[in-house]
Structures are given as structure tokens and as C-alpha cells.
Amino acid sequence: MTLNVATLTTLDQLHSIEEEWIQLLGRIGADLPFLWPDWTITWWESFRQQRAVIRDNLYVKTVRGESGELLAIVPLMMTERPAVGPARARAVGFLGADNYVTEQRAPIIDRRCQRELAEALASDLRALNSWDWITWEGLDKEGEFAAALGRELDLHWAESQPGNILRLAPTWDEFRQGLKHNIKESLRHCYNSLKRANLVPRLEVASTPAELVPALETFFTLHAARAGQVDGVKHPDRFAEVGVRQFLERACARFARRGMTRVFTLRVGDTPVASRIGFMLPDCLYLYYSGFDPEWGKYSVATTLLAEALKHAIDSGCSRVHLSMGADVSKSRWGPEMPVFHTAVCTRPRVSSRVARGVYSWVQRHRHPLNQVKGLLGRRFD
């Protein structure tokens, strides 16, 4: 099989392959919104670094077959630290290199030819002298692509995190019957506690660009309120910074133009009590961050909202819901499938690259006491 690897370095080039990109995502059944061009391109426009101490450049890899069919996209960028001068460290990593807004990054690979794609990408990267190390993310450690990549490049495995995928039944009643006893009891409690207080919950679903504006404002308010609660599990306000809010607004608007954004708001009367963002991917609803009013916490309104979102997914014909990334109990208690996404690092086998990687790793480990060098790290939203 003859494969052609190309490097895309401009936004125009990314825009030119958007439809092919989406078709590839559809073929592989991707259930992460962070792999879509709407997210990736918006992230680059919002968070690209162009400063004296750090500079990002697009370094997106595409692989095509003999017929020209797009078989793989690896949405990478190259980060130079510092941006100028002879002593520069050049790290390659995935677009979406933030600490929490982009929950998972991964290569987009046609599963019919994983080994061949890994070999072609590794050959292309080895031939280039422009990078010191590459951080691969979203790899299936036991999969054919990762195995072939490991044979071709010297991969060192790092952290991992699970996804949380619920398989849905054709109806809500059938789905509920298959849940664990403790979840059934939790659902009964959240609905009955409102009923006993003569309160009626109502779900609002914003999906159009015009509907999103007030719905996202409500979400930001409730997300911040959840972060500010005194009792219970502590949750940071992930959208406290204006730039991060603006990014999410733009990304949601882009997805909305494809009919894919959902902002779920649970109201009791006219009062919004809980909110959660979702992305309606082909056959899968991905549930992103949430928020709720702590004053309504005794009614378990966050669980009620999740149940209503699951009902919406079933009514929309989805076969699965992704509860977002991570191993916290609020997700695992539902008994989801938990595919694991692994990270691995490949450092070029030359002294200067190994030294650069070593220095960068040391600074990362000490970044909190060494606030003055944060700019060298390029860590967003610390």
C-alpha cells in the first residue's frame, strides 16, 4: 500500500479538508467532540501562543491512500521555546494542549490500516530534523496503531485516563431496568424529593446559535456557583477566565451550525437550577462540563439533569452517551464501558534533544514554586 504523508501548516489548509475530516470521523465512529475541526480550529484561533518565550506553529499530519482518500489526521502543532535564538527546544504535541478544557486529544486513524499508517507517519517524522520530542496522546496501548508506532519510534509510556461510555436501550424504561440498584435508588430519590416539595422539574434544550447565548450565560453562572459551594466535593471554576469562556462560546456556535450543540438547563418553575453542555455526535451524545445551584443540591438536581439528558439522547436515537473523561465516581457509578487513552513520549536520539527534554520535564515538575518560568512551559490556564 502506497501512502502519502503531508504536513499542513496554515488555517486555510485545515479549512480545505474539513468535510473529508468529518467523513473520516464518521467512518471511525469517533465519540469525542475535541477531534472535530470545529473544536480544533477554534482552539488554534483562540489559544495559539506567539510570544518571545514560546511560539506555536501548525504541524498537522495527514495521510492519504493511492486514490487520494484521507485515511488519517494527526492534529499536531510544534511549540518552540524560546521563539528565537540558536538554543531552541522544539516540542510536537496535539492541538488542544490545555490542562482541562480539551478533555482528550487523539490521532484520527482509519482502523482498516492502522499498522501501515503508523509506519508511514513514523517514517515521515524520522526524516524531519525539526523536532526534539513528540507527545502522542489518545493511544490504545494494546491497539495495532500504537504497537506499530512503538516498533518504529522509541515510545515511553506516561499517564492515561479512561472514557465513560454508556450503551443505551431503545427506551428510557428499558435502559433504567439495566442500571445498578444504587443508581435506580438515586434516580427515585431525585425525582421524588422534588415531587414531595410540590416542585416540577422542566428540561430546556438550547441548540441553535440564538438559543445558545442565554443558555451559556446560565451555564457559566451555575458552573461558577457549583465551584463556590462550601460543602461537598470541590470543583474548580474551569471558565473563570474571559478568554476560555469566549473560546467555548465560539466552539459551541460552530457546532451549533452543524446542529450538534446542546445546552441542557433544568428549571424548577422559572428558576434555572442545573446546566450541562453536550455535543450530539453521530449516534453519540457527549456530555461536557456541568453546573448547579448549591441551594438546590438537596434535591440532587445534577442527577435529575443527567437523567433528562439521557432521555433526550434516547429520544434522539443515540445508541450511546459519553459521560466525559476521567475516573471519578460520579461517572463510574453508572457502570460505563471505560476505554483507556494513553500518552507516550518519543524523544529524538540526539544529545541536544535529550537535554532539552530533560530541562523541560524538570521545569514542569517544579512549575508551581517557579511561577516566573510559567511562560516557558506554555501551559494554558494554570
Protein backbone atom coordinates (compact mmCIF):
# COMPACT_ATOMS: atom_id res chain seq x y z
CA MET A 1 0.00 0.00 0.00
CA THR A 2 1.39 3.38 -1.03
CA LEU A 3 0.60 6.12 1.48
CA ASN A 4 1.28 9.82 1.12
CA VAL A 5 2.01 11.87 4.24
CA ALA A 6 1.65 15.67 4.15
CA THR A 7 2.16 18.42 6.71
CA LEU A 8 -0.46 21.18 6.91
CA THR A 9 0.87 24.46 8.29
CA THR A 10 -1.91 27.00 7.59
CA LEU A 11 -5.51 27.50 8.66
CA ASP A 12 -6.58 27.65 5.00
CA GLN A 13 -5.25 24.13 4.55
CA LEU A 14 -7.22 22.94 7.60
CA HIS A 15 -10.41 24.55 6.34
CA SER A 16 -9.91 22.93 2.93
CA ILE A 17 -10.13 19.40 4.39
CA GLU A 18 -12.96 19.98 6.89
CA GLU A 19 -15.54 17.87 5.05
CA GLU A 20 -13.09 15.00 4.48
CA TRP A 21 -12.10 15.30 8.13
CA ILE A 22 -15.72 14.94 9.23
CA GLN A 23 -16.25 11.98 6.87
CA LEU A 24 -13.24 10.22 8.43
CA LEU A 25 -14.60 10.86 11.93
CA GLY A 26 -17.89 9.32 10.82
CA ARG A 27 -16.18 6.22 9.41
CA ILE A 28 -14.34 5.51 12.65
CA GLY A 29 -17.32 6.31 14.90
CA ALA A 30 -15.47 8.96 16.90
CA ASP A 31 -17.25 9.96 20.11
CA LEU A 32 -15.02 12.88 21.22
CA PRO A 33 -16.02 16.41 20.11
CA PHE A 34 -12.40 17.50 20.64
CA LEU A 35 -11.38 15.65 17.46
CA TRP A 36 -13.72 17.66 15.24
CA PRO A 37 -12.39 20.53 13.11
CA ASP A 38 -14.88 22.88 14.80
CA TRP A 39 -13.13 22.37 18.13
CA THR A 40 -9.55 22.11 16.84
CA ILE A 41 -9.64 25.16 14.58
CA THR A 42 -11.39 27.29 17.21
CA TRP A 43 -8.80 26.24 19.78
CA TRP A 44 -5.94 27.26 17.48
CA GLU A 45 -7.54 30.63 16.75
CA SER A 46 -8.11 31.24 20.47
CA PHE A 47 -5.01 29.91 22.21
CA ARG A 48 -2.11 29.88 19.77
CA GLN A 49 0.98 31.28 21.50
CA GLN A 50 3.11 33.86 19.67
CA ARG A 51 5.48 35.39 22.24
CA ALA A 52 9.20 35.81 22.68
CA VAL A 53 9.39 32.84 25.05
CA ILE A 54 7.06 30.49 23.19
CA ARG A 55 5.76 30.13 19.64
CA ASP A 56 3.26 27.62 18.24
CA ASN A 57 3.13 26.56 14.60
CA LEU A 58 0.65 24.24 12.90
CA TYR A 59 2.16 20.83 12.19
CA VAL A 60 -0.90 18.78 11.22
CA LYS A 61 -0.17 15.44 9.58
CA THR A 62 -2.47 13.90 7.01
CA VAL A 63 -2.12 10.51 5.33
CA ARG A 64 -3.81 9.62 2.04
CA GLY A 65 -4.07 6.39 0.12
CA GLU A 66 -3.21 5.84 -3.53
CA SER A 67 -6.67 7.03 -4.61
CA GLY A 68 -6.32 10.24 -2.56
CA GLU A 69 -8.72 9.07 0.17
CA LEU A 70 -8.00 10.68 3.54
CA LEU A 71 -7.02 7.87 5.92
CA ALA A 72 -5.56 9.71 8.91
CA ILE A 73 -5.30 13.13 10.52
CA VAL A 74 -2.94 13.77 13.40
CA PRO A 75 -3.74 17.36 14.52
CA LEU A 76 -0.33 18.39 15.79
CA MET A 77 1.45 21.65 16.44
CA MET A 78 5.10 22.45 17.01
CA THR A 79 5.98 24.60 20.01
CA GLU A 80 9.33 26.36 20.15
CA ARG A 81 10.78 27.51 23.47
CA PRO A 82 12.10 30.23 23.20
CA ALA A 83 10.72 31.56 19.93
CA VAL A 84 14.06 32.91 18.72
CA GLY A 85 17.74 32.17 19.08
CA PRO A 86 20.02 29.20 18.40
CA ALA A 87 19.15 27.26 21.58
CA ARG A 88 15.53 26.33 21.00
CA ALA A 89 13.56 23.31 22.20
CA ARG A 90 11.05 22.11 19.61
CA ALA A 91 8.22 20.01 21.01
CA VAL A 92 5.47 18.46 18.90
CA GLY A 93 2.12 17.84 20.55
CA PHE A 94 -1.58 17.82 19.84
CA LEU A 95 -3.71 20.87 19.21
CA GLY A 96 -5.79 21.41 22.33
CA ALA A 97 -2.77 21.50 24.66
CA ASP A 98 -4.59 22.90 27.67
CA ASN A 99 -5.00 21.46 31.13
CA TYR A 100 -8.74 20.77 31.24
CA VAL A 101 -10.83 22.49 28.52
CA THR A 102 -9.91 19.92 25.87
CA GLU A 103 -10.59 16.75 27.79
CA GLN A 104 -8.86 14.33 25.42
CA ARG A 105 -6.69 14.53 22.30
CA ALA A 106 -6.02 11.68 19.88
CA PRO A 107 -4.93 10.78 16.33
CA ILE A 108 -7.78 10.18 13.89
CA ILE A 109 -6.97 6.88 12.23
CA ASP A 110 -8.80 4.68 9.71
CA ARG A 111 -8.89 1.36 11.55
CA ARG A 112 -8.61 -0.67 8.35
CA CYS A 113 -4.88 0.09 8.01
CA GLN A 114 -3.53 1.05 11.42
CA ARG A 115 -0.13 -0.61 11.07
CA GLU A 116 0.54 0.93 7.67
CA LEU A 117 -0.50 4.38 8.87
CA ALA A 118 1.76 4.18 11.93
CA GLU A 119 4.71 3.10 9.79
CA ALA A 120 4.12 5.89 7.25
CA LEU A 121 3.84 8.58 9.96
CA ALA A 122 6.92 7.31 11.80
CA SER A 123 8.96 7.25 8.57
CA ASP A 124 7.90 10.82 7.76
CA LEU A 125 8.72 12.09 11.25
CA ARG A 126 12.09 10.36 11.41
CA ALA A 127 13.08 12.05 8.15
CA LEU A 128 12.40 15.51 9.58
CA ASN A 129 15.09 17.19 11.64
CA SER A 130 12.82 19.90 13.02
CA TRP A 131 11.65 18.41 16.34
CA ASP A 132 13.17 17.32 19.65
CA TRP A 133 10.32 15.28 21.10
CA ILE A 134 6.75 14.30 20.29
CA THR A 135 3.99 13.73 22.83
CA TRP A 136 1.45 11.24 21.50
CA GLU A 137 -1.97 11.22 23.15
CA GLY A 138 -5.15 9.19 22.94
CA LEU A 139 -3.42 5.92 22.07
CA ASP A 140 -4.89 2.48 22.61
CA LYS A 141 -1.84 0.82 24.16
CA GLU A 142 -2.99 -2.61 23.05
CA GLY A 143 -4.07 -1.49 19.58
CA GLU A 144 -2.33 -2.14 16.27
CA PHE A 145 -1.54 1.54 15.62
CA ALA A 146 0.21 2.03 18.98
CA ALA A 147 2.06 -1.28 18.65
CA ALA A 148 3.40 -0.37 15.20
CA LEU A 149 4.26 3.16 16.33
CA GLY A 150 6.16 1.70 19.28
CA ARG A 151 8.19 -0.54 16.97
CA GLU A 152 9.10 2.40 14.73
CA LEU A 153 9.72 5.06 17.41
CA ASP A 154 11.16 4.83 20.90
CA LEU A 155 7.95 5.43 22.86
CA HIS A 156 7.98 5.94 26.62
CA TRP A 157 4.53 5.49 28.12
CA ALA A 158 3.23 8.14 30.52
CA GLU A 159 -0.17 8.88 32.05
CA SER A 160 -3.57 7.60 30.95
CA GLN A 161 -7.24 8.31 31.59
CA PRO A 162 -10.47 6.42 30.87
CA GLY A 163 -13.52 7.41 28.92
CA ASN A 164 -17.02 6.59 30.19
CA ILE A 165 -19.44 5.24 27.61
CA LEU A 166 -22.99 4.20 28.43
CA ARG A 167 -24.79 1.91 25.99
CA LEU A 168 -28.41 2.99 25.66
CA ALA A 169 -31.57 0.95 25.21
CA PRO A 170 -34.36 1.88 22.77
CA THR A 171 -36.47 3.32 25.62
CA TRP A 172 -35.78 5.01 28.93
CA ASP A 173 -37.65 2.28 30.87
CA GLU A 174 -35.53 -0.46 29.31
CA PHE A 175 -32.34 1.48 29.99
CA ARG A 176 -33.31 2.15 33.61
CA GLN A 177 -34.07 -1.51 34.21
CA GLY A 178 -30.49 -2.40 33.31
CA LEU A 179 -28.94 0.04 35.81
CA LYS A 180 -27.36 -0.89 39.12
CA HIS A 181 -29.59 -0.84 42.19
CA ASN A 182 -27.85 2.19 43.73
CA ILE A 183 -28.39 4.25 40.57
CA LYS A 184 -32.06 3.29 40.43
CA GLU A 185 -32.43 4.42 44.04
CA SER A 186 -30.61 7.67 43.30
CA LEU A 187 -32.96 8.38 40.39
CA ARG A 188 -36.01 7.65 42.52
CA HIS A 189 -34.73 9.99 45.22
CA CYS A 190 -34.00 12.95 42.96
CA TYR A 191 -37.42 12.89 41.30
CA ASN A 192 -39.39 12.05 44.46
CA SER A 193 -37.68 14.73 46.57
CA LEU A 194 -38.90 17.39 44.12
CA LYS A 195 -42.36 15.82 43.92
CA ARG A 196 -42.74 15.78 47.72
CA ALA A 197 -41.99 19.50 47.76
CA ASN A 198 -44.60 20.09 45.02
CA LEU A 199 -41.84 21.09 42.62
CA VAL A 200 -41.88 20.13 38.95
CA PRO A 201 -38.59 19.97 37.01
CA ARG A 202 -38.55 21.04 33.36
CA LEU A 203 -35.79 20.47 30.81
CA GLU A 204 -34.83 23.16 28.30
CA VAL A 205 -32.56 22.24 25.40
CA ALA A 206 -30.78 25.04 23.56
CA SER A 207 -29.38 24.02 20.18
CA THR A 208 -29.50 26.99 17.78
CA PRO A 209 -26.90 29.79 17.77
CA ALA A 210 -29.50 32.26 19.05
CA GLU A 211 -30.63 29.96 21.88
CA LEU A 212 -27.06 29.31 22.96
CA VAL A 213 -26.28 32.87 24.05
CA PRO A 214 -28.56 32.98 27.14
CA ALA A 215 -28.17 29.24 27.80
CA LEU A 216 -24.38 29.52 28.01
CA GLU A 217 -24.65 32.52 30.33
CA THR A 218 -26.81 30.40 32.63
CA PHE A 219 -24.28 27.57 32.36
CA PHE A 220 -21.35 29.84 33.31
CA THR A 221 -23.31 31.18 36.30
CA LEU A 222 -24.24 27.71 37.58
CA HIS A 223 -20.78 26.27 36.90
CA ALA A 224 -19.27 29.07 39.00
CA ALA A 225 -21.91 28.53 41.70
CA ARG A 226 -21.01 24.85 41.89
CA ALA A 227 -17.34 25.79 42.24
CA GLY A 228 -18.20 28.19 45.04
CA GLN A 229 -20.14 25.76 47.21
CA VAL A 230 -18.77 25.40 50.72
CA ASP A 231 -19.78 21.80 51.41
CA GLY A 232 -19.38 18.69 49.30
CA VAL A 233 -16.87 17.81 46.60
CA LYS A 234 -14.78 20.77 45.48
CA HIS A 235 -14.92 21.65 41.78
CA PRO A 236 -12.83 24.48 40.28
CA ASP A 237 -14.41 27.05 38.01
CA ARG A 238 -12.98 25.99 34.66
CA PHE A 239 -14.42 29.01 32.88
CA ALA A 240 -13.43 31.83 35.19
CA GLU A 241 -11.16 33.39 32.56
CA VAL A 242 -12.82 35.52 29.90
CA GLY A 243 -10.72 34.04 27.10
CA VAL A 244 -11.75 30.49 27.99
CA ARG A 245 -15.43 31.48 28.05
CA GLN A 246 -15.09 33.15 24.67
CA PHE A 247 -13.44 30.05 23.24
CA LEU A 248 -16.29 27.82 24.43
CA GLU A 249 -18.89 30.24 23.07
CA ARG A 250 -17.22 30.22 19.65
CA ALA A 251 -16.78 26.44 19.60
CA CYS A 252 -20.40 25.84 20.62
CA ALA A 253 -21.59 28.27 17.95
CA ARG A 254 -19.62 26.39 15.29
CA PHE A 255 -21.01 23.05 16.40
CA ALA A 256 -24.50 24.59 16.52
CA ARG A 257 -24.28 25.47 12.84
CA ARG A 258 -24.00 21.72 12.24
CA GLY A 259 -26.90 21.06 14.64
CA MET A 260 -24.60 19.41 17.18
CA THR A 261 -24.58 21.65 20.27
CA ARG A 262 -26.90 21.01 23.20
CA VAL A 263 -27.05 23.10 26.36
CA PHE A 264 -29.32 21.34 28.83
CA THR A 265 -30.90 23.53 31.51
CA LEU A 266 -33.04 22.10 34.29
CA ARG A 267 -35.59 24.58 35.60
CA VAL A 268 -37.95 24.44 38.53
CA GLY A 269 -40.62 26.96 37.65
CA ASP A 270 -38.66 29.83 36.10
CA THR A 271 -35.53 29.15 38.15
CA PRO A 272 -32.54 27.50 36.45
CA VAL A 273 -31.10 25.02 38.93
CA ALA A 274 -28.66 22.92 36.85
CA SER A 275 -26.97 23.10 33.47
CA ARG A 276 -24.76 20.89 31.31
CA ILE A 277 -23.22 21.23 27.86
CA GLY A 278 -23.49 18.37 25.38
CA PHE A 279 -22.38 17.64 21.83
CA MET A 280 -24.63 15.49 19.65
CA LEU A 281 -22.13 13.49 17.62
CA PRO A 282 -23.25 10.84 15.13
CA ASP A 283 -25.02 8.20 17.26
CA CYS A 284 -23.42 9.51 20.50
CA LEU A 285 -24.16 12.33 22.93
CA TYR A 286 -21.00 13.61 24.63
CA LEU A 287 -21.73 15.29 27.96
CA TYR A 288 -19.23 18.02 28.83
CA TYR A 289 -18.96 20.22 31.95
CA SER A 290 -21.91 20.96 34.22
CA GLY A 291 -23.02 23.31 36.97
CA PHE A 292 -25.79 23.63 39.53
CA ASP A 293 -27.09 25.91 42.24
CA PRO A 294 -25.89 24.55 45.62
CA GLU A 295 -29.14 25.82 47.18
CA TRP A 296 -30.88 23.05 45.21
CA GLY A 297 -28.29 20.39 45.97
CA LYS A 298 -30.55 18.60 48.48
CA TYR A 299 -32.81 17.69 45.56
CA SER A 300 -29.91 16.09 43.59
CA VAL A 301 -30.71 18.31 40.63
CA ALA A 302 -27.44 17.39 38.87
CA THR A 303 -28.55 13.74 38.76
CA THR A 304 -32.00 14.77 37.55
CA LEU A 305 -30.43 16.80 34.77
CA LEU A 306 -28.22 13.88 33.72
CA ALA A 307 -31.25 11.59 33.61
CA GLU A 308 -33.13 14.09 31.46
CA ALA A 309 -30.13 14.37 29.10
CA LEU A 310 -30.04 10.58 28.80
CA LYS A 311 -33.73 10.59 27.92
CA HIS A 312 -33.03 13.23 25.28
CA ALA A 313 -30.29 11.04 23.79
CA ILE A 314 -32.60 8.03 23.67
CA ASP A 315 -35.39 10.06 22.07
CA SER A 316 -32.85 11.36 19.52
CA GLY A 317 -31.95 7.81 18.50
CA CYS A 318 -28.47 7.69 20.03
CA SER A 319 -27.02 4.29 20.89
CA ARG A 320 -24.56 5.62 23.46
CA VAL A 321 -23.72 8.52 25.76
CA HIS A 322 -20.19 9.52 26.71
CA LEU A 323 -20.17 10.85 30.29
CA SER A 324 -16.85 12.67 29.62
CA MET A 325 -13.32 11.70 30.56
CA GLY A 326 -11.96 10.69 33.95
CA ALA A 327 -12.30 8.05 36.64
CA ASP A 328 -14.39 9.94 39.23
CA VAL A 329 -17.22 8.17 41.00
CA SER A 330 -19.93 10.42 39.52
CA LYS A 331 -19.28 8.65 36.21
CA SER A 332 -18.09 5.18 37.19
CA ARG A 333 -21.13 4.55 39.40
CA TRP A 334 -23.25 4.32 36.23
CA GLY A 335 -21.28 1.24 35.16
CA PRO A 336 -19.97 2.59 31.84
CA GLU A 337 -17.50 0.98 29.47
CA MET A 338 -14.16 2.62 30.21
CA PRO A 339 -11.76 2.62 27.23
CA VAL A 340 -8.34 3.86 28.31
CA PHE A 341 -6.49 6.61 26.43
CA HIS A 342 -2.72 6.51 26.87
CA THR A 343 0.03 9.12 26.44
CA ALA A 344 3.53 8.32 25.19
CA VAL A 345 6.60 10.46 24.51
CA CYS A 346 9.21 9.95 21.81
CA THR A 347 12.48 11.90 22.12
CA ARG A 348 14.84 12.19 19.18
CA PRO A 349 18.03 10.19 19.93
CA ARG A 350 20.50 13.06 19.94
CA VAL A 351 22.15 14.75 22.89
CA SER A 352 20.65 18.22 22.35
CA SER A 353 17.10 16.82 22.14
CA ARG A 354 17.52 14.69 25.26
CA VAL A 355 18.94 17.63 27.20
CA ALA A 356 16.09 19.91 26.04
CA ARG A 357 13.51 17.32 27.04
CA GLY A 358 15.18 16.82 30.42
CA VAL A 359 15.21 20.54 31.19
CA TYR A 360 11.58 20.94 30.13
CA SER A 361 10.50 17.98 32.29
CA TRP A 362 12.34 19.40 35.31
CA VAL A 363 10.67 22.79 34.90
CA GLN A 364 7.25 21.10 34.56
CA ARG A 365 7.75 19.23 37.83
CA HIS A 366 8.69 22.48 39.61
CA ARG A 367 6.33 24.85 37.82
CA HIS A 368 4.22 25.77 40.86
CA PRO A 369 7.08 27.12 43.02
CA LEU A 370 8.74 28.57 39.93
CA ASN A 371 5.96 30.82 38.74
CA GLN A 372 8.39 33.12 36.99
CA VAL A 373 9.09 30.49 34.31
CA LYS A 374 5.48 29.61 33.55
CA GLY A 375 5.74 31.34 30.21
CA LEU A 376 8.46 28.90 29.17
CA LEU A 377 6.12 25.99 29.73
CA GLY A 378 3.29 27.13 27.55
CA ARG A 379 0.80 25.57 29.97
CA ARG A 380 -2.61 27.12 29.37
CA PHE A 381 -4.97 28.03 32.19
CA ASP A 382 -2.73 27.06 35.12
